[in-house]
Amino acid sequence: MSTICNYLNKDRNSITKKDIIRYIKENDVKVINFRYIAGDGRLKTLNFSALDLKYVDRILSFGERVDGSSLFKDIDSASSDLYVVPRYSTVYENPFSPIKAIDIICNFFDKEGNLFKLSPDVTLLNAQEKFRKLTGYEIKLFGELEYYVIAPKNDLYPIAAQKGYHESFPFNKWENLRVEAMHLIQSAGGKVKYAHSEVGFIRTEDKEMSQNEIEFLPEEPLYAAYQLIIAKWILNSLGFKYGVTITFSPKISIGHAGSGLHIHSMILKDGKNVMLDEKGNLSSEAKKLISGLIKIAKPSTAFGNTIPISYLRLVPHQEAPVRVCWGYGNRSALIRVPLGWNLDKDLSSQINPVEKTSKNKSVQTVEFRAGDGSANISLYIASLICGAIEGFLMKDSEKFCDEYFVDTNIFNSDDKKIREKFESLPSSCYESSIELEKNRDIFEKNSVFSPQLIDSTIRRLQSYNDKNLSERLYGKEEEIKKLVEEYLYC
């Protein structure tokens, strides 16, 4: 719950315009920032003075007009005006403003007063609503946000390459930045599960790069996207504050762990997680979800792996998926079913004998491991939900799911037949665009993605001209370094 919700003693969906104006008055807020997600998936800003409360009332009621052609490539500048209207439930206090400020995420509306169909979060809203309507279930999601901190080399307390997982300060020198980020994300309304250092640790002659992760808690799709987008903004702002680079780039050094954006999903009925059956096995609903994610695995890279160096990460032996398959706890598979506390044992009481705990509610999820920090987060989550719809509506989805199960480490398997049984993910933006074109009906049906949005995504991916990029760059360290630098702030 955000600090503003706590102050008002309200949950986010109960906040009104009157509440926000009261908070402004009682907390001496001087600035209001409208935030909104443009076509590139990045957070944009419009600043207002909060000194005139009548004007504040007006902008909170009616929003403001912006130039859509500068925010979305496919809008004609001859008729480009859009409205941005604040969603009160997203209000939070800006922790970086030198003047007391609050931020509110806005949605776009067109000149007819309809939600703007090319907006990423509107596409996600479409997917969220269509899943509920077509299946009768709810879906919740959350992300694992990985990033590197790049700082001047420090010879004190070094660790070995690829050995950074869950290291503590001072071996992980940026633990305090990570903890500060976690606190600020929660103050802004994000729901954080935990934060830790990740496996990646890279040292060069003058720099030290340590990988970290912040993982979230399940949210309805729109807010699952919002908390990731705000978290990226907070982390970048902290990087600027501390004079270090925070990068979500998929790959910053060949041979070292890249950064992903793993997305967990769960299916609910009447507010209850239904991922397991009465015997504690994966339920029919869970297998339908997995089947759908398999169906969209290759084309969804168009939204989740959007730059050329995304495909330098999707290689074997780096805990990044390559083959389209699923397994229990299997980090070589694209889709992983993690541990979900599905035990009859009371673990806590075994080491705390004076304490008895009730059985934990199921928190079972499935984890889709392809995406990375270049993802257009709202569109990426929307594409995964389109897959979930596909899985629920397809015939024989459980049989289909079982055909893609694997219980071995595909990276290390000596059995060529096992590896080649499963299709590979695309190896470039170009291949990703081809997969999107071939499967566009999955995303366009039910009016989730507009054809115009699919067309523009294909054009952008093909504009990179990165066909066979991995082969062309093999052994060319300087060219790879230039490409990494180009997309460092992806």
Foldseek 3Di string as FASTA:
>chain_A
DAPLCVVLVHALQPDDLVSVLVCCVVVVAFKEWEWEQFLQLAIDIDIDTPPDVVVSSVCQVFNDKDFNVVRYVPDDSVAGIKGWHFDRSQKFWDPPDPGTYIYTYTFIAHPVRHGDQSGLLLLLVLLQVCLCVLQVWHKWKAKKQKKKKKDWDDPPQEDDAQQQWQDDPPNVPCVVLQVVLVVVLVNSPFAWPDKGWGRGWDDDPTIIMTMIITIGAIDGQSVNLVSVNVSVVSSCSSCVVVVIHIFQAQDQDQPHAGFFMKMKMFIGHPRATPQADPVRHGDPLVLLLLLLCLVCVALLCLQFVPAFCLLSNCDPPNLAEWFAFEEEVASNHQKYWYDFQSDPDDVVCVVVVVDDDDRDGTPTIMMGGSGTPSGSRSNSSSSSSLSSSVSSPDPPSNVSNVQRYDDDNLRPDPDVCVVVSTDTHDNALQSSLVSCVVVVCSSPPSNSHDPVSNVVSSVSSVVNVCVVVCVVCVPVVVVVNVSCVVVRHD
